[in-house]
Amino acid sequence: MVKIRLTRLGKHKDPFYRIVATDSRTKRDGGFIAILGTYEPFSGKTVINSQLTLDFLSKGAQPTDTILNLFKTNGIWAEFLKTKNSKKAKKHRRPKKTKKAAPKKDAAPKTAEVKTEAK
């Protein structure tokens, strides 16, 4: 499963985080699939590539709780929900294909009458 989470960088008592998409089984600071942005907690500065992030979210990546809060404050989560709901609405708007009913036949099937003449 792909997770969107933080990878710690920076020095002692001065953290700096990368927002990355990674496999859920990797270590916190291990390998990653893509860098989606950065986060500096003391300055509050957040830089997120929204297009790449929305792409990963639409493919099923799960954000951690901290990342979800960052997405909500930056408006990415609302944008994702809007696109997700619009896709669902488009699916529901399509009219269902109706099959044309075949012409009704007589209820009882016709059977051949056999006449036997007595001799």
PDB file of N, CA and C in Angstrom:
ATOM      1  N   MET A   1       0.841  -1.170   0.000  1.00  0.00           N
ATOM      2  CA  MET A   1       0.000   0.000   0.000  1.00  0.00           C
ATOM      3  C   MET A   1       0.891   1.240   0.000  1.00  0.00           C
ATOM      4  N   VAL A   2       0.535   2.209  -0.785  1.00  0.00           N
ATOM      5  CA  VAL A   2       1.292   3.456  -0.852  1.00  0.00           C
ATOM      6  C   VAL A   2       0.765   4.422   0.211  1.00  0.00           C
ATOM      7  N   LYS A   3       1.687   4.971   0.979  1.00  0.00           N
ATOM      8  CA  LYS A   3       1.348   5.950   2.005  1.00  0.00           C
ATOM      9  C   LYS A   3       2.002   7.279   1.661  1.00  0.00           C
ATOM     10  N   ILE A   4       1.334   8.356   2.026  1.00  0.00           N
ATOM     11  CA  ILE A   4       1.930   9.688   1.921  1.00  0.00           C
ATOM     12  C   ILE A   4       2.276  10.108   3.340  1.00  0.00           C
ATOM     13  N   ARG A   5       3.570  10.302   3.595  1.00  0.00           N
ATOM     14  CA  ARG A   5       4.010  10.595   4.958  1.00  0.00           C
ATOM     15  C   ARG A   5       5.235  11.489   4.959  1.00  0.00           C
ATOM     16  N   LEU A   6       5.721  11.803   6.164  1.00  0.00           N
ATOM     17  CA  LEU A   6       6.864  12.682   6.336  1.00  0.00           C
ATOM     18  C   LEU A   6       8.157  11.883   6.467  1.00  0.00           C
ATOM     19  N   THR A   7       9.226  12.401   5.882  1.00  0.00           N
ATOM     20  CA  THR A   7      10.576  11.873   6.050  1.00  0.00           C
ATOM     21  C   THR A   7      11.396  12.978   6.693  1.00  0.00           C
ATOM     22  N   ARG A   8      12.060  12.649   7.806  1.00  0.00           N
ATOM     23  CA  ARG A   8      12.766  13.686   8.575  1.00  0.00           C
ATOM     24  C   ARG A   8      14.142  13.968   7.997  1.00  0.00           C
ATOM     25  N   LEU A   9      14.413  15.246   7.866  1.00  0.00           N
ATOM     26  CA  LEU A   9      15.729  15.749   7.481  1.00  0.00           C
ATOM     27  C   LEU A   9      16.076  16.860   8.454  1.00  0.00           C
ATOM     28  N   GLY A  10      17.158  17.556   8.227  1.00  0.00           N
ATOM     29  CA  GLY A  10      17.529  18.663   9.112  1.00  0.00           C
ATOM     30  C   GLY A  10      18.508  18.209  10.171  1.00  0.00           C
ATOM     31  N   LYS A  11      18.757  19.104  11.106  1.00  0.00           N
ATOM     32  CA  LYS A  11      19.728  18.783  12.147  1.00  0.00           C
ATOM     33  C   LYS A  11      19.040  18.621  13.497  1.00  0.00           C
ATOM     34  N   HIS A  12      19.836  18.330  14.500  1.00  0.00           N
ATOM     35  CA  HIS A  12      19.326  18.093  15.847  1.00  0.00           C
ATOM     36  C   HIS A  12      18.548  19.313  16.359  1.00  0.00           C
ATOM     37  N   LYS A  13      17.343  19.095  16.805  1.00  0.00           N
ATOM     38  CA  LYS A  13      16.424  20.113  17.320  1.00  0.00           C
ATOM     39  C   LYS A  13      16.044  21.175  16.276  1.00  0.00           C
ATOM     40  N   ASP A  14      16.237  20.890  15.024  1.00  0.00           N
ATOM     41  CA  ASP A  14      15.837  21.795  13.944  1.00  0.00           C
ATOM     42  C   ASP A  14      15.336  20.930  12.771  1.00  0.00           C
ATOM     43  N   PRO A  15      14.167  20.314  12.938  1.00  0.00           N
ATOM     44  CA  PRO A  15      13.705  19.360  11.921  1.00  0.00           C
ATOM     45  C   PRO A  15      13.227  20.039  10.644  1.00  0.00           C
ATOM     46  N   PHE A  16      13.327  19.289   9.598  1.00  0.00           N
ATOM     47  CA  PHE A  16      12.855  19.682   8.277  1.00  0.00           C
ATOM     48  C   PHE A  16      12.321  18.390   7.656  1.00  0.00           C
ATOM     49  N   TYR A  17      11.136  18.432   7.097  1.00  0.00           N
ATOM     50  CA  TYR A  17      10.519  17.208   6.596  1.00  0.00           C
ATOM     51  C   TYR A  17      10.243  17.283   5.101  1.00  0.00           C
ATOM     52  N   ARG A  18      10.365  16.159   4.448  1.00  0.00           N
ATOM     53  CA  ARG A  18       9.903  16.001   3.078  1.00  0.00           C
ATOM     54  C   ARG A  18       8.584  15.257   3.124  1.00  0.00           C
ATOM     55  N   ILE A  19       7.661  15.665   2.290  1.00  0.00           N
ATOM     56  CA  ILE A  19       6.404  14.930   2.137  1.00  0.00           C
ATOM     57  C   ILE A  19       6.631  13.981   0.965  1.00  0.00           C
ATOM     58  N   VAL A  20       6.567  12.676   1.246  1.00  0.00           N
ATOM     59  CA  VAL A  20       6.896  11.689   0.227  1.00  0.00           C
ATOM     60  C   VAL A  20       5.783  10.655   0.088  1.00  0.00           C
ATOM     61  N   ALA A  21       5.726  10.061  -1.092  1.00  0.00           N
ATOM     62  CA  ALA A  21       4.880   8.893  -1.324  1.00  0.00           C
ATOM     63  C   ALA A  21       5.797   7.690  -1.242  1.00  0.00           C
ATOM     64  N   THR A  22       5.458   6.737  -0.394  1.00  0.00           N
ATOM     65  CA  THR A  22       6.324   5.589  -0.165  1.00  0.00           C
ATOM     66  C   THR A  22       5.508   4.346   0.116  1.00  0.00           C
ATOM     67  N   ASP A  23       6.142   3.203  -0.009  1.00  0.00           N
ATOM     68  CA  ASP A  23       5.504   1.946   0.355  1.00  0.00           C
ATOM     69  C   ASP A  23       5.380   1.912   1.878  1.00  0.00           C
ATOM     70  N   SER A  24       4.279   1.409   2.375  1.00  0.00           N
ATOM     71  CA  SER A  24       4.031   1.453   3.822  1.00  0.00           C
ATOM     72  C   SER A  24       5.003   0.582   4.612  1.00  0.00           C
ATOM     73  N   ARG A  25       5.687  -0.344   3.958  1.00  0.00           N
ATOM     74  CA  ARG A  25       6.601  -1.250   4.666  1.00  0.00           C
ATOM     75  C   ARG A  25       8.005  -0.680   4.831  1.00  0.00           C
ATOM     76  N   THR A  26       8.318   0.442   4.191  1.00  0.00           N
ATOM     77  CA  THR A  26       9.660   1.001   4.295  1.00  0.00           C
ATOM     78  C   THR A  26       9.843   1.765   5.606  1.00  0.00           C
ATOM     79  N   LYS A  27      11.093   2.007   5.959  1.00  0.00           N
ATOM     80  CA  LYS A  27      11.403   2.760   7.171  1.00  0.00           C
ATOM     81  C   LYS A  27      10.998   4.212   7.007  1.00  0.00           C
ATOM     82  N   ARG A  28      10.963   4.927   8.116  1.00  0.00           N
ATOM     83  CA  ARG A  28      10.557   6.331   8.078  1.00  0.00           C
ATOM     84  C   ARG A  28      11.437   7.155   7.150  1.00  0.00           C
ATOM     85  N   ASP A  29      12.719   6.945   7.213  1.00  0.00           N
ATOM     86  CA  ASP A  29      13.645   7.706   6.379  1.00  0.00           C
ATOM     87  C   ASP A  29      14.201   6.859   5.240  1.00  0.00           C
ATOM     88  N   GLY A  30      13.497   5.793   4.901  1.00  0.00           N
ATOM     89  CA  GLY A  30      13.954   4.892   3.846  1.00  0.00           C
ATOM     90  C   GLY A  30      13.613   5.408   2.460  1.00  0.00           C
ATOM     91  N   GLY A  31      13.626   4.483   1.511  1.00  0.00           N
ATOM     92  CA  GLY A  31      13.364   4.845   0.125  1.00  0.00           C
ATOM     93  C   GLY A  31      11.947   5.343  -0.082  1.00  0.00           C
ATOM     94  N   PHE A  32      11.744   6.052  -1.175  1.00  0.00           N
ATOM     95  CA  PHE A  32      10.431   6.611  -1.461  1.00  0.00           C
ATOM     96  C   PHE A  32      10.169   6.552  -2.956  1.00  0.00           C
ATOM     97  N   ILE A  33       8.916   6.718  -3.336  1.00  0.00           N
ATOM     98  CA  ILE A  33       8.525   6.693  -4.739  1.00  0.00           C
ATOM     99  C   ILE A  33       8.675   8.083  -5.349  1.00  0.00           C
ATOM    100  N   ALA A  34       8.174   9.097  -4.640  1.00  0.00           N
ATOM    101  CA  ALA A  34       8.228  10.459  -5.167  1.00  0.00           C
ATOM    102  C   ALA A  34       8.224  11.464  -4.022  1.00  0.00           C
ATOM    103  N   ILE A  35       8.859  12.613  -4.248  1.00  0.00           N
ATOM    104  CA  ILE A  35       8.825  13.722  -3.291  1.00  0.00           C
ATOM    105  C   ILE A  35       7.662  14.628  -3.696  1.00  0.00           C
ATOM    106  N   LEU A  36       6.720  14.818  -2.771  1.00  0.00           N
ATOM    107  CA  LEU A  36       5.532  15.618  -3.055  1.00  0.00           C
ATOM    108  C   LEU A  36       5.644  17.049  -2.525  1.00  0.00           C
ATOM    109  N   GLY A  37       6.562  17.280  -1.595  1.00  0.00           N
ATOM    110  CA  GLY A  37       6.707  18.624  -1.059  1.00  0.00           C
ATOM    111  C   GLY A  37       7.602  18.644   0.157  1.00  0.00           C
ATOM    112  N   THR A  38       7.593  19.780   0.860  1.00  0.00           N
ATOM    113  CA  THR A  38       8.397  19.943   2.074  1.00  0.00           C
ATOM    114  C   THR A  38       7.557  20.603   3.158  1.00  0.00           C
ATOM    115  N   TYR A  39       8.025  20.421   4.415  1.00  0.00           N
ATOM    116  CA  TYR A  39       7.327  21.002   5.557  1.00  0.00           C
ATOM    117  C   TYR A  39       8.348  21.397   6.609  1.00  0.00           C
ATOM    118  N   GLU A  40       8.296  22.667   7.040  1.00  0.00           N
ATOM    119  CA  GLU A  40       9.155  23.165   8.111  1.00  0.00           C
ATOM    120  C   GLU A  40       8.256  23.504   9.299  1.00  0.00           C
ATOM    121  N   PRO A  41       8.264  22.681  10.346  1.00  0.00           N
ATOM    122  CA  PRO A  41       7.303  22.877  11.444  1.00  0.00           C
ATOM    123  C   PRO A  41       7.497  24.156  12.250  1.00  0.00           C
ATOM    124  N   PHE A  42       8.735  24.625  12.457  1.00  0.00           N
ATOM    125  CA  PHE A  42       8.931  25.815  13.291  1.00  0.00           C
ATOM    126  C   PHE A  42       8.545  27.093  12.563  1.00  0.00           C
ATOM    127  N   SER A  43       8.812  27.153  11.275  1.00  0.00           N
ATOM    128  CA  SER A  43       8.423  28.346  10.525  1.00  0.00           C
ATOM    129  C   SER A  43       6.998  28.211   9.976  1.00  0.00           C
ATOM    130  N   GLY A  44       6.498  27.000   9.946  1.00  0.00           N
ATOM    131  CA  GLY A  44       5.150  26.765   9.438  1.00  0.00           C
ATOM    132  C   GLY A  44       5.067  26.786   7.922  1.00  0.00           C
ATOM    133  N   LYS A  45       6.214  26.818   7.272  1.00  0.00           N
ATOM    134  CA  LYS A  45       6.253  26.886   5.811  1.00  0.00           C
ATOM    135  C   LYS A  45       5.993  25.499   5.214  1.00  0.00           C
ATOM    136  N   THR A  46       5.051  25.452   4.292  1.00  0.00           N
ATOM    137  CA  THR A  46       4.710  24.200   3.626  1.00  0.00           C
ATOM    138  C   THR A  46       4.674  24.430   2.126  1.00  0.00           C
ATOM    139  N   VAL A  47       5.377  23.588   1.376  1.00  0.00           N
ATOM    140  CA  VAL A  47       5.381  23.642  -0.076  1.00  0.00           C
ATOM    141  C   VAL A  47       4.947  22.266  -0.567  1.00  0.00           C
ATOM    142  N   ILE A  48       3.841  22.228  -1.331  1.00  0.00           N
ATOM    143  CA  ILE A  48       3.309  20.947  -1.801  1.00  0.00           C
ATOM    144  C   ILE A  48       3.023  21.032  -3.293  1.00  0.00           C
ATOM    145  N   ASN A  49       3.451  20.023  -4.030  1.00  0.00           N
ATOM    146  CA  ASN A  49       3.130  19.900  -5.450  1.00  0.00           C
ATOM    147  C   ASN A  49       1.726  19.304  -5.521  1.00  0.00           C
ATOM    148  N   SER A  50       0.726  20.149  -5.690  1.00  0.00           N
ATOM    149  CA  SER A  50      -0.661  19.692  -5.583  1.00  0.00           C
ATOM    150  C   SER A  50      -1.053  18.745  -6.708  1.00  0.00           C
ATOM    151  N   GLN A  51      -0.567  18.974  -7.914  1.00  0.00           N
ATOM    152  CA  GLN A  51      -0.952  18.114  -9.033  1.00  0.00           C
ATOM    153  C   GLN A  51      -0.454  16.684  -8.828  1.00  0.00           C
ATOM    154  N   LEU A  52       0.794  16.535  -8.406  1.00  0.00           N
ATOM    155  CA  LEU A  52       1.352  15.209  -8.165  1.00  0.00           C
ATOM    156  C   LEU A  52       0.678  14.548  -6.968  1.00  0.00           C
ATOM    157  N   THR A  53       0.387  15.342  -5.947  1.00  0.00           N
ATOM    158  CA  THR A  53      -0.283  14.822  -4.758  1.00  0.00           C
ATOM    159  C   THR A  53      -1.681  14.319  -5.094  1.00  0.00           C
ATOM    160  N   LEU A  54      -2.444  15.094  -5.859  1.00  0.00           N
ATOM    161  CA  LEU A  54      -3.791  14.670  -6.253  1.00  0.00           C
ATOM    162  C   LEU A  54      -3.742  13.410  -7.112  1.00  0.00           C
ATOM    163  N   ASP A  55      -2.697  13.295  -7.919  1.00  0.00           N
ATOM    164  CA  ASP A  55      -2.538  12.102  -8.744  1.00  0.00           C
ATOM    165  C   ASP A  55      -2.354  10.863  -7.866  1.00  0.00           C
ATOM    166  N   PHE A  56      -1.486  10.962  -6.838  1.00  0.00           N
ATOM    167  CA  PHE A  56      -1.276   9.829  -5.935  1.00  0.00           C
ATOM    168  C   PHE A  56      -2.532   9.522  -5.124  1.00  0.00           C
ATOM    169  N   LEU A  57      -3.235  10.554  -4.656  1.00  0.00           N
ATOM    170  CA  LEU A  57      -4.458  10.333  -3.887  1.00  0.00           C
ATOM    171  C   LEU A  57      -5.533   9.649  -4.737  1.00  0.00           C
ATOM    172  N   SER A  58      -5.646  10.052  -5.990  1.00  0.00           N
ATOM    173  CA  SER A  58      -6.657   9.450  -6.855  1.00  0.00           C
ATOM    174  C   SER A  58      -6.336   7.996  -7.170  1.00  0.00           C
ATOM    175  N   LYS A  59      -5.070   7.625  -7.078  1.00  0.00           N
ATOM    176  CA  LYS A  59      -4.675   6.234  -7.322  1.00  0.00           C
ATOM    177  C   LYS A  59      -4.756   5.384  -6.064  1.00  0.00           C
ATOM    178  N   GLY A  60      -5.148   5.986  -4.935  1.00  0.00           N
ATOM    179  CA  GLY A  60      -5.383   5.208  -3.726  1.00  0.00           C
ATOM    180  C   GLY A  60      -4.359   5.347  -2.628  1.00  0.00           C
ATOM    181  N   ALA A  61      -3.431   6.281  -2.723  1.00  0.00           N
ATOM    182  CA  ALA A  61      -2.446   6.477  -1.660  1.00  0.00           C
ATOM    183  C   ALA A  61      -3.146   6.998  -0.404  1.00  0.00           C
ATOM    184  N   GLN A  62      -2.718   6.498   0.757  1.00  0.00           N
ATOM    185  CA  GLN A  62      -3.338   6.867   2.022  1.00  0.00           C
ATOM    186  C   GLN A  62      -2.451   7.848   2.785  1.00  0.00           C
ATOM    187  N   PRO A  63      -2.945   9.045   3.105  1.00  0.00           N
ATOM    188  CA  PRO A  63      -2.138   9.993   3.881  1.00  0.00           C
ATOM    189  C   PRO A  63      -2.164   9.655   5.367  1.00  0.00           C
ATOM    190  N   THR A  64      -1.060   9.956   6.065  1.00  0.00           N
ATOM    191  CA  THR A  64      -1.047   9.785   7.516  1.00  0.00           C
ATOM    192  C   THR A  64      -1.854  10.928   8.137  1.00  0.00           C
ATOM    193  N   ASP A  65      -2.075  10.859   9.432  1.00  0.00           N
ATOM    194  CA  ASP A  65      -2.883  11.876  10.109  1.00  0.00           C
ATOM    195  C   ASP A  65      -2.260  13.270  10.003  1.00  0.00           C
ATOM    196  N   THR A  66      -0.947  13.356  10.198  1.00  0.00           N
ATOM    197  CA  THR A  66      -0.267  14.647  10.112  1.00  0.00           C
ATOM    198  C   THR A  66      -0.363  15.215   8.703  1.00  0.00           C
ATOM    199  N   ILE A  67      -0.147  14.373   7.716  1.00  0.00           N
ATOM    200  CA  ILE A  67      -0.227  14.811   6.324  1.00  0.00           C
ATOM    201  C   ILE A  67      -1.656  15.232   5.986  1.00  0.00           C
ATOM    202  N   LEU A  68      -2.625  14.509   6.495  1.00  0.00           N
ATOM    203  CA  LEU A  68      -4.024  14.868   6.251  1.00  0.00           C
ATOM    204  C   LEU A  68      -4.323  16.267   6.791  1.00  0.00           C
ATOM    205  N   ASN A  69      -3.800  16.577   7.970  1.00  0.00           N
ATOM    206  CA  ASN A  69      -3.977  17.923   8.532  1.00  0.00           C
ATOM    207  C   ASN A  69      -3.303  18.984   7.660  1.00  0.00           C
ATOM    208  N   LEU A  70      -2.121  18.688   7.146  1.00  0.00           N
ATOM    209  CA  LEU A  70      -1.437  19.631   6.253  1.00  0.00           C
ATOM    210  C   LEU A  70      -2.233  19.836   4.967  1.00  0.00           C
ATOM    211  N   PHE A  71      -2.766  18.745   4.417  1.00  0.00           N
ATOM    212  CA  PHE A  71      -3.571  18.847   3.197  1.00  0.00           C
ATOM    213  C   PHE A  71      -4.827  19.670   3.430  1.00  0.00           C
ATOM    214  N   LYS A  72      -5.447  19.509   4.596  1.00  0.00           N
ATOM    215  CA  LYS A  72      -6.667  20.269   4.896  1.00  0.00           C
ATOM    216  C   LYS A  72      -6.369  21.763   5.032  1.00  0.00           C
ATOM    217  N   THR A  73      -5.242  22.111   5.664  1.00  0.00           N
ATOM    218  CA  THR A  73      -4.914  23.528   5.835  1.00  0.00           C
ATOM    219  C   THR A  73      -4.518  24.178   4.512  1.00  0.00           C
ATOM    220  N   ASN A  74      -3.974  23.410   3.589  1.00  0.00           N
ATOM    221  CA  ASN A  74      -3.561  23.958   2.290  1.00  0.00           C
ATOM    222  C   ASN A  74      -4.630  23.818   1.218  1.00  0.00           C
ATOM    223  N   GLY A  75      -5.754  23.201   1.537  1.00  0.00           N
ATOM    224  CA  GLY A  75      -6.867  23.097   0.593  1.00  0.00           C
ATOM    225  C   GLY A  75      -6.754  21.959  -0.405  1.00  0.00           C
ATOM    226  N   ILE A  76      -5.739  21.144  -0.273  1.00  0.00           N
ATOM    227  CA  ILE A  76      -5.565  20.025  -1.213  1.00  0.00           C
ATOM    228  C   ILE A  76      -6.599  18.945  -0.963  1.00  0.00           C
ATOM    229  N   TRP A  77      -6.911  18.702   0.296  1.00  0.00           N
ATOM    230  CA  TRP A  77      -7.876  17.651   0.628  1.00  0.00           C
ATOM    231  C   TRP A  77      -9.265  18.004   0.098  1.00  0.00           C
ATOM    232  N   ALA A  78      -9.671  19.254   0.224  1.00  0.00           N
ATOM    233  CA  ALA A  78     -10.980  19.684  -0.286  1.00  0.00           C
ATOM    234  C   ALA A  78     -11.033  19.541  -1.803  1.00  0.00           C
ATOM    235  N   GLU A  79      -9.930  19.865  -2.460  1.00  0.00           N
ATOM    236  CA  GLU A  79      -9.865  19.730  -3.916  1.00  0.00           C
ATOM    237  C   GLU A  79      -9.959  18.262  -4.325  1.00  0.00           C
ATOM    238  N   PHE A  80      -9.288  17.400  -3.559  1.00  0.00           N
ATOM    239  CA  PHE A  80      -9.353  15.961  -3.836  1.00  0.00           C
ATOM    240  C   PHE A  80     -10.776  15.430  -3.671  1.00  0.00           C
ATOM    241  N   LEU A  81     -11.437  15.824  -2.582  1.00  0.00           N
ATOM    242  CA  LEU A  81     -12.806  15.363  -2.356  1.00  0.00           C
ATOM    243  C   LEU A  81     -13.751  15.872  -3.437  1.00  0.00           C
ATOM    244  N   LYS A  82     -13.512  17.093  -3.904  1.00  0.00           N
ATOM    245  CA  LYS A  82     -14.346  17.658  -4.964  1.00  0.00           C
ATOM    246  C   LYS A  82     -14.198  16.847  -6.252  1.00  0.00           C
ATOM    247  N   THR A  83     -12.975  16.505  -6.614  1.00  0.00           N
ATOM    248  CA  THR A  83     -12.769  15.717  -7.833  1.00  0.00           C
ATOM    249  C   THR A  83     -13.286  14.296  -7.660  1.00  0.00           C
ATOM    250  N   LYS A  84     -13.136  13.763  -6.464  1.00  0.00           N
ATOM    251  CA  LYS A  84     -13.617  12.398  -6.191  1.00  0.00           C
ATOM    252  C   LYS A  84     -15.139  12.345  -6.288  1.00  0.00           C
ATOM    253  N   ASN A  85     -15.815  13.336  -5.710  1.00  0.00           N
ATOM    254  CA  ASN A  85     -17.277  13.363  -5.743  1.00  0.00           C
ATOM    255  C   ASN A  85     -17.799  13.633  -7.143  1.00  0.00           C
ATOM    256  N   SER A  86     -17.093  14.449  -7.910  1.00  0.00           N
ATOM    257  CA  SER A  86     -17.553  14.729  -9.270  1.00  0.00           C
ATOM    258  C   SER A  86     -17.429  13.490 -10.141  1.00  0.00           C
ATOM    259  N   LYS A  87     -16.412  12.666  -9.901  1.00  0.00           N
ATOM    260  CA  LYS A  87     -16.282  11.420 -10.657  1.00  0.00           C
ATOM    261  C   LYS A  87     -17.406  10.461 -10.308  1.00  0.00           C
ATOM    262  N   LYS A  88     -17.787  10.408  -9.027  1.00  0.00           N
ATOM    263  CA  LYS A  88     -18.899   9.545  -8.621  1.00  0.00           C
ATOM    264  C   LYS A  88     -20.204  10.039  -9.237  1.00  0.00           C
ATOM    265  N   ALA A  89     -20.380  11.351  -9.246  1.00  0.00           N
ATOM    266  CA  ALA A  89     -21.615  11.915  -9.800  1.00  0.00           C
ATOM    267  C   ALA A  89     -21.714  11.627 -11.291  1.00  0.00           C
ATOM    268  N   LYS A  90     -20.599  11.686 -11.993  1.00  0.00           N
ATOM    269  CA  LYS A  90     -20.615  11.387 -13.420  1.00  0.00           C
ATOM    270  C   LYS A  90     -21.015   9.951 -13.671  1.00  0.00           C
ATOM    271  N   LYS A  91     -20.587   9.051 -12.800  1.00  0.00           N
ATOM    272  CA  LYS A  91     -20.957   7.647 -12.952  1.00  0.00           C
ATOM    273  C   LYS A  91     -22.459   7.464 -12.762  1.00  0.00           C
ATOM    274  N   HIS A  92     -23.043   8.208 -11.840  1.00  0.00           N
ATOM    275  CA  HIS A  92     -24.457   8.062 -11.560  1.00  0.00           C
ATOM    276  C   HIS A  92     -25.330   8.758 -12.603  1.00  0.00           C
ATOM    277  N   ARG A  93     -24.798   9.735 -13.292  1.00  0.00           N
ATOM    278  CA  ARG A  93     -25.590  10.483 -14.266  1.00  0.00           C
ATOM    279  C   ARG A  93     -25.855   9.688 -15.534  1.00  0.00           C
ATOM    280  N   ARG A  94     -24.991   8.737 -15.831  1.00  0.00           N
ATOM    281  CA  ARG A  94     -25.156   7.979 -17.055  1.00  0.00           C
ATOM    282  C   ARG A  94     -26.464   7.192 -17.019  1.00  0.00           C
ATOM    283  N   PRO A  95     -27.282   7.339 -18.036  1.00  0.00           N
ATOM    284  CA  PRO A  95     -28.516   6.555 -18.030  1.00  0.00           C
ATOM    285  C   PRO A  95     -28.191   5.090 -18.279  1.00  0.00           C
ATOM    286  N   LYS A  96     -28.950   4.271 -17.606  1.00  0.00           N
ATOM    287  CA  LYS A  96     -28.744   2.840 -17.772  1.00  0.00           C
ATOM    288  C   LYS A  96     -29.310   2.407 -19.113  1.00  0.00           C
ATOM    289  N   LYS A  97     -28.634   1.485 -19.710  1.00  0.00           N
ATOM    290  CA  LYS A  97     -29.100   0.967 -20.983  1.00  0.00           C
ATOM    291  C   LYS A  97     -30.273   0.026 -20.702  1.00  0.00           C
ATOM    292  N   THR A  98     -31.361   0.263 -21.392  1.00  0.00           N
ATOM    293  CA  THR A  98     -32.518  -0.597 -21.207  1.00  0.00           C
ATOM    294  C   THR A  98     -32.625  -1.539 -22.397  1.00  0.00           C
ATOM    295  N   LYS A  99     -32.937  -2.747 -22.088  1.00  0.00           N
ATOM    296  CA  LYS A  99     -33.089  -3.733 -23.150  1.00  0.00           C
ATOM    297  C   LYS A  99     -34.508  -3.653 -23.675  1.00  0.00           C
ATOM    298  N   LYS A 100     -34.617  -3.699 -24.960  1.00  0.00           N
ATOM    299  CA  LYS A 100     -35.950  -3.694 -25.544  1.00  0.00           C
ATOM    300  C   LYS A 100     -36.568  -5.063 -25.329  1.00  0.00           C
ATOM    301  N   ALA A 101     -37.794  -5.051 -24.904  1.00  0.00           N
ATOM    302  CA  ALA A 101     -38.477  -6.313 -24.639  1.00  0.00           C
ATOM    303  C   ALA A 101     -38.763  -7.018 -25.957  1.00  0.00           C
ATOM    304  N   ALA A 102     -38.544  -8.311 -25.953  1.00  0.00           N
ATOM    305  CA  ALA A 102     -38.814  -9.108 -27.150  1.00  0.00           C
ATOM    306  C   ALA A 102     -40.332  -9.194 -27.319  1.00  0.00           C
ATOM    307  N   PRO A 103     -40.810  -9.290 -28.556  1.00  0.00           N
ATOM    308  CA  PRO A 103     -42.256  -9.395 -28.749  1.00  0.00           C
ATOM    309  C   PRO A 103     -42.799 -10.632 -28.032  1.00  0.00           C
ATOM    310  N   LYS A 104     -43.938 -10.443 -27.385  1.00  0.00           N
ATOM    311  CA  LYS A 104     -44.514 -11.534 -26.610  1.00  0.00           C
ATOM    312  C   LYS A 104     -45.100 -12.588 -27.545  1.00  0.00           C
ATOM    313  N   LYS A 105     -44.843 -13.816 -27.212  1.00  0.00           N
ATOM    314  CA  LYS A 105     -45.375 -14.939 -27.981  1.00  0.00           C
ATOM    315  C   LYS A 105     -46.562 -15.504 -27.224  1.00  0.00           C
ATOM    316  N   ASP A 106     -47.315 -16.370 -27.875  1.00  0.00           N
ATOM    317  CA  ASP A 106     -48.460 -16.992 -27.210  1.00  0.00           C
ATOM    318  C   ASP A 106     -47.976 -17.714 -25.957  1.00  0.00           C
ATOM    319  N   ALA A 107     -48.833 -17.707 -24.967  1.00  0.00           N
ATOM    320  CA  ALA A 107     -48.454 -18.300 -23.703  1.00  0.00           C
ATOM    321  C   ALA A 107     -48.212 -19.795 -23.845  1.00  0.00           C
ATOM    322  N   ALA A 108     -49.080 -20.486 -24.580  1.00  0.00           N
ATOM    323  CA  ALA A 108     -48.911 -21.923 -24.749  1.00  0.00           C
ATOM    324  C   ALA A 108     -48.209 -22.177 -26.078  1.00  0.00           C
ATOM    325  N   PRO A 109     -47.201 -22.989 -26.063  1.00  0.00           N
ATOM    326  CA  PRO A 109     -46.526 -23.268 -27.314  1.00  0.00           C
ATOM    327  C   PRO A 109     -47.424 -24.111 -28.228  1.00  0.00           C
ATOM    328  N   LYS A 110     -47.279 -23.869 -29.507  1.00  0.00           N
ATOM    329  CA  LYS A 110     -48.088 -24.621 -30.459  1.00  0.00           C
ATOM    330  C   LYS A 110     -47.515 -26.016 -30.587  1.00  0.00           C
ATOM    331  N   THR A 111     -48.436 -26.966 -30.533  1.00  0.00           N
ATOM    332  CA  THR A 111     -48.008 -28.358 -30.706  1.00  0.00           C
ATOM    333  C   THR A 111     -48.689 -28.904 -31.940  1.00  0.00           C
ATOM    334  N   ALA A 112     -48.033 -29.791 -32.560  1.00  0.00           N
ATOM    335  CA  ALA A 112     -48.605 -30.395 -33.777  1.00  0.00           C
ATOM    336  C   ALA A 112     -49.693 -31.400 -33.378  1.00  0.00           C
ATOM    337  N   GLU A 113     -50.830 -31.265 -34.042  1.00  0.00           N
ATOM    338  CA  GLU A 113     -51.931 -32.197 -33.747  1.00  0.00           C
ATOM    339  C   GLU A 113     -51.764 -33.425 -34.612  1.00  0.00           C
ATOM    340  N   VAL A 114     -51.806 -34.537 -33.991  1.00  0.00           N
ATOM    341  CA  VAL A 114     -51.682 -35.793 -34.719  1.00  0.00           C
ATOM    342  C   VAL A 114     -53.039 -36.447 -34.740  1.00  0.00           C
ATOM    343  N   LYS A 115     -53.548 -36.693 -35.978  1.00  0.00           N
ATOM    344  CA  LYS A 115     -54.843 -37.364 -36.104  1.00  0.00           C
ATOM    345  C   LYS A 115     -54.584 -38.817 -36.493  1.00  0.00           C
ATOM    346  N   THR A 116     -55.137 -39.650 -35.731  1.00  0.00           N
ATOM    347  CA  THR A 116     -55.042 -41.066 -36.077  1.00  0.00           C
ATOM    348  C   THR A 116     -56.417 -41.553 -36.459  1.00  0.00           C
ATOM    349  N   GLU A 117     -56.505 -42.191 -37.589  1.00  0.00           N
ATOM    350  CA  GLU A 117     -57.806 -42.719 -38.036  1.00  0.00           C
ATOM    351  C   GLU A 117     -57.869 -44.181 -37.693  1.00  0.00           C
ATOM    352  N   ALA A 118     -58.976 -44.569 -37.156  1.00  0.00           N
ATOM    353  CA  ALA A 118     -59.179 -45.962 -36.828  1.00  0.00           C
ATOM    354  C   ALA A 118     -59.574 -46.745 -38.064  1.00  0.00           C
ATOM    355  N   LYS A 119     -59.038 -47.919 -38.296  1.00  0.00           N
ATOM    356  CA  LYS A 119     -59.386 -48.727 -39.463  1.00  0.00           C
ATOM    357  C   LYS A 119     -60.242 -49.855 -39.103  1.00  0.00           C
TER     358      LYS A 119
END
